[in-house]
């Protein structure tokens, strides 16, 4: 799922931390950010908030984790 305009950063990262499997953001350039890593989280959030935030796509290795992000998107319609 593509993400952009995340203003609820703390809520988003809390969901990442609660996930069982791997959670990654991938750019169109092939960059992969492992969101389970705190360092990667800082870089990925900066990318999401920056000019290229609309070029990032979220992937979850565990399908039950995807539901958490779907709920997040439904509760925060401003996130695209």
Protein backbone atom coordinates (compact mmCIF):
# COMPACT_ATOMS: atom_id res chain seq x y z
CA UNK A 1 0.00 0.00 0.00
CA UNK A 2 1.30 3.45 -0.88
CA UNK A 3 1.62 5.99 1.88
CA UNK A 4 2.02 9.74 2.01
CA UNK A 5 1.10 12.66 4.22
CA UNK A 6 1.50 10.85 7.52
CA UNK A 7 1.08 13.39 10.30
CA UNK A 8 0.37 10.78 13.01
CA UNK A 9 3.97 9.60 13.16
CA UNK A 10 3.87 8.31 16.75
CA UNK A 11 0.69 6.31 16.09
CA UNK A 12 2.17 4.91 12.87
CA UNK A 13 5.38 3.84 14.62
CA UNK A 14 3.40 2.27 17.48
CA UNK A 15 1.65 0.10 14.91
CA UNK A 16 5.01 -0.86 13.38
CA UNK A 17 6.31 -1.83 16.82
CA UNK A 18 3.23 -4.00 17.45
CA UNK A 19 3.66 -5.96 14.23
CA UNK A 20 4.71 -9.62 14.40
CA UNK A 21 6.49 -9.75 11.06
CA UNK A 22 8.78 -7.51 9.08
CA UNK A 23 7.49 -4.13 7.94
CA UNK A 24 9.29 -2.35 5.12
CA UNK A 25 8.92 0.79 3.07
CA UNK A 26 10.21 0.63 -0.49
CA UNK A 27 10.94 3.48 -2.83
CA UNK A 28 10.62 3.50 -6.61
CA UNK A 29 14.43 3.74 -6.70
CA UNK A 30 14.73 0.38 -4.94
CA UNK A 31 15.58 1.67 -1.47
CA UNK A 32 14.19 -0.60 1.26
CA UNK A 33 13.67 0.68 4.81
CA UNK A 34 13.23 -1.96 7.52
CA UNK A 35 10.81 -0.23 9.89
CA UNK A 36 11.64 -2.63 12.71
CA UNK A 37 15.02 -0.88 12.94
CA UNK A 38 14.92 2.41 14.88
CA UNK A 39 17.57 3.97 12.65
CA UNK A 40 15.67 2.99 9.51
CA UNK A 41 12.48 4.38 11.08
CA UNK A 42 14.04 7.85 11.33
CA UNK A 43 15.22 7.75 7.73
CA UNK A 44 11.90 6.39 6.44
CA UNK A 45 9.80 8.92 8.36
CA UNK A 46 11.97 11.72 7.01
CA UNK A 47 11.37 10.33 3.51
CA UNK A 48 7.61 10.09 4.13
CA UNK A 49 7.48 13.67 5.33
CA UNK A 50 9.76 14.92 2.56
CA UNK A 51 9.27 15.59 -1.13
CA UNK A 52 9.29 11.93 -2.17
CA UNK A 53 6.87 10.59 0.43
CA UNK A 54 4.32 9.72 -2.22
CA UNK A 55 6.78 7.34 -3.86
CA UNK A 56 6.99 4.94 -0.89
CA UNK A 57 5.09 1.71 -0.56
CA UNK A 58 4.50 -0.26 2.65
CA UNK A 59 4.92 -4.04 2.77
CA UNK A 60 4.19 -6.45 5.65
CA UNK A 61 5.55 -10.00 5.79
CA UNK A 62 2.65 -11.08 8.05
CA UNK A 63 -0.83 -10.63 6.58
CA UNK A 64 -2.36 -9.99 10.02
CA UNK A 65 -0.13 -6.91 10.32
CA UNK A 66 -1.62 -5.47 7.14
CA UNK A 67 -4.99 -5.21 8.90
CA UNK A 68 -3.45 -2.93 11.52
CA UNK A 69 -2.35 -0.52 8.84
CA UNK A 70 -5.68 -0.73 7.03
CA UNK A 71 -7.41 0.28 10.28
CA UNK A 72 -4.92 3.13 10.66
CA UNK A 73 -5.74 4.35 7.15
CA UNK A 74 -9.49 4.15 7.77
CA UNK A 75 -9.17 6.08 11.04
CA UNK A 76 -6.94 8.70 9.40
CA UNK A 77 -8.46 9.53 6.01
CA UNK A 78 -5.90 12.32 5.47
CA UNK A 79 -3.19 9.70 5.05
CA UNK A 80 -3.02 8.60 1.47
